[in-house]
Amino acid sequence: MTVKKDLEKAVAAAEAAKGTYAAFSASTDDQGAQTMFDQMTQDMDRHIAQLNSRLSSTAENKLSNQQNS
């Protein structure tokens, strides 16, 4: 499997986890649990941004390497 495919799988998994945390937050009346799940959702936003950044830089590096060949 390629680095690109691995990163795409990681992004998809992070998006799924983010959705799960958001659903947990919405389905509980426990304020402490809501806060925890909301924070976890925000953490996943940061993780997804980092993964997408790495995915973009990997694609740019590949393009650059192809142009230099």
C-alpha atoms as a PDB file:
ATOM      1  CA  MET A   1       0.000   0.000   0.000  1.00  0.00           C
ATOM      2  CA  THR A   2       1.252   3.474  -0.780  1.00  0.00           C
ATOM      3  CA  VAL A   3       1.821   6.302   1.642  1.00  0.00           C
ATOM      4  CA  LYS A   4      -1.014   8.201  -0.062  1.00  0.00           C
ATOM      5  CA  LYS A   5      -3.452   5.333   0.439  1.00  0.00           C
ATOM      6  CA  ASP A   6      -2.361   4.909   4.067  1.00  0.00           C
ATOM      7  CA  LEU A   7      -2.904   8.608   4.733  1.00  0.00           C
ATOM      8  CA  GLU A   8      -6.290   8.540   3.015  1.00  0.00           C
ATOM      9  CA  LYS A   9      -7.309   5.604   5.223  1.00  0.00           C
ATOM     10  CA  ALA A  10      -6.127   7.502   8.306  1.00  0.00           C
ATOM     11  CA  VAL A  11      -8.157  10.565   7.290  1.00  0.00           C
ATOM     12  CA  ALA A  12     -11.257   8.416   6.772  1.00  0.00           C
ATOM     13  CA  ALA A  13     -10.803   6.745  10.160  1.00  0.00           C
ATOM     14  CA  ALA A  14     -10.319  10.114  11.861  1.00  0.00           C
ATOM     15  CA  GLU A  15     -13.443  11.486  10.178  1.00  0.00           C
ATOM     16  CA  ALA A  16     -15.397   8.445  11.369  1.00  0.00           C
ATOM     17  CA  ALA A  17     -14.130   8.876  14.930  1.00  0.00           C
ATOM     18  CA  LYS A  18     -15.008  12.576  14.826  1.00  0.00           C
ATOM     19  CA  GLY A  19     -18.565  11.700  13.781  1.00  0.00           C
ATOM     20  CA  THR A  20     -18.853   9.140  16.547  1.00  0.00           C
ATOM     21  CA  TYR A  21     -17.665  11.628  19.181  1.00  0.00           C
ATOM     22  CA  ALA A  22     -20.095  14.260  17.905  1.00  0.00           C
ATOM     23  CA  ALA A  23     -22.950  11.739  18.052  1.00  0.00           C
ATOM     24  CA  PHE A  24     -21.997  10.761  21.606  1.00  0.00           C
ATOM     25  CA  SER A  25     -21.954  14.425  22.609  1.00  0.00           C
ATOM     26  CA  ALA A  26     -25.383  15.031  21.115  1.00  0.00           C
ATOM     27  CA  SER A  27     -26.925  11.955  22.699  1.00  0.00           C
ATOM     28  CA  THR A  28     -25.984  12.540  26.334  1.00  0.00           C
ATOM     29  CA  ASP A  29     -27.478  14.815  28.946  1.00  0.00           C
ATOM     30  CA  ASP A  30     -24.316  14.614  31.071  1.00  0.00           C
ATOM     31  CA  GLN A  31     -22.634  18.025  30.694  1.00  0.00           C
ATOM     32  CA  GLY A  32     -19.238  16.610  31.638  1.00  0.00           C
ATOM     33  CA  ALA A  33     -19.507  13.910  28.985  1.00  0.00           C
ATOM     34  CA  GLN A  34     -20.679  16.458  26.394  1.00  0.00           C
ATOM     35  CA  THR A  35     -17.664  18.642  27.127  1.00  0.00           C
ATOM     36  CA  MET A  36     -15.330  15.662  26.876  1.00  0.00           C
ATOM     37  CA  PHE A  37     -16.769  14.503  23.550  1.00  0.00           C
ATOM     38  CA  ASP A  38     -16.794  18.061  22.179  1.00  0.00           C
ATOM     39  CA  GLN A  39     -13.100  18.359  23.045  1.00  0.00           C
ATOM     40  CA  MET A  40     -12.406  14.998  21.424  1.00  0.00           C
ATOM     41  CA  THR A  41     -14.227  16.202  18.298  1.00  0.00           C
ATOM     42  CA  GLN A  42     -12.027  19.312  18.222  1.00  0.00           C
ATOM     43  CA  ASP A  43      -8.935  17.135  18.682  1.00  0.00           C
ATOM     44  CA  MET A  44      -9.983  15.087  15.661  1.00  0.00           C
ATOM     45  CA  ASP A  45     -10.338  18.295  13.623  1.00  0.00           C
ATOM     46  CA  ARG A  46      -6.687  19.027  14.385  1.00  0.00           C
ATOM     47  CA  HIS A  47      -5.654  15.458  13.577  1.00  0.00           C
ATOM     48  CA  ILE A  48      -7.521  15.572  10.276  1.00  0.00           C
ATOM     49  CA  ALA A  49      -5.906  18.887   9.368  1.00  0.00           C
ATOM     50  CA  GLN A  50      -2.457  17.471  10.105  1.00  0.00           C
ATOM     51  CA  LEU A  51      -3.138  14.335   8.082  1.00  0.00           C
ATOM     52  CA  ASN A  52      -4.477  16.363   5.151  1.00  0.00           C
ATOM     53  CA  SER A  53      -1.430  18.622   5.323  1.00  0.00           C
ATOM     54  CA  ARG A  54       0.845  15.587   5.161  1.00  0.00           C
ATOM     55  CA  LEU A  55      -1.218  14.167   2.317  1.00  0.00           C
ATOM     56  CA  SER A  56      -0.860  17.427   0.374  1.00  0.00           C
ATOM     57  CA  SER A  57       2.878  17.640   0.944  1.00  0.00           C
ATOM     58  CA  THR A  58       3.280  14.011  -0.108  1.00  0.00           C
ATOM     59  CA  ALA A  59       1.373  14.722  -3.328  1.00  0.00           C
ATOM     60  CA  GLU A  60       3.437  17.863  -3.969  1.00  0.00           C
ATOM     61  CA  ASN A  61       6.680  15.961  -3.402  1.00  0.00           C
ATOM     62  CA  LYS A  62       5.602  13.243  -5.802  1.00  0.00           C
ATOM     63  CA  LEU A  63       4.676  15.816  -8.451  1.00  0.00           C
ATOM     64  CA  SER A  64       7.967  17.626  -7.962  1.00  0.00           C
ATOM     65  CA  ASN A  65       9.911  14.373  -8.239  1.00  0.00           C
ATOM     66  CA  GLN A  66       8.070  13.459 -11.445  1.00  0.00           C
ATOM     67  CA  GLN A  67       8.806  16.861 -12.990  1.00  0.00           C
ATOM     68  CA  ASN A  68      12.498  16.570 -12.106  1.00  0.00           C
ATOM     69  CA  SER A  69      12.808  13.139 -13.707  1.00  0.00           C
END
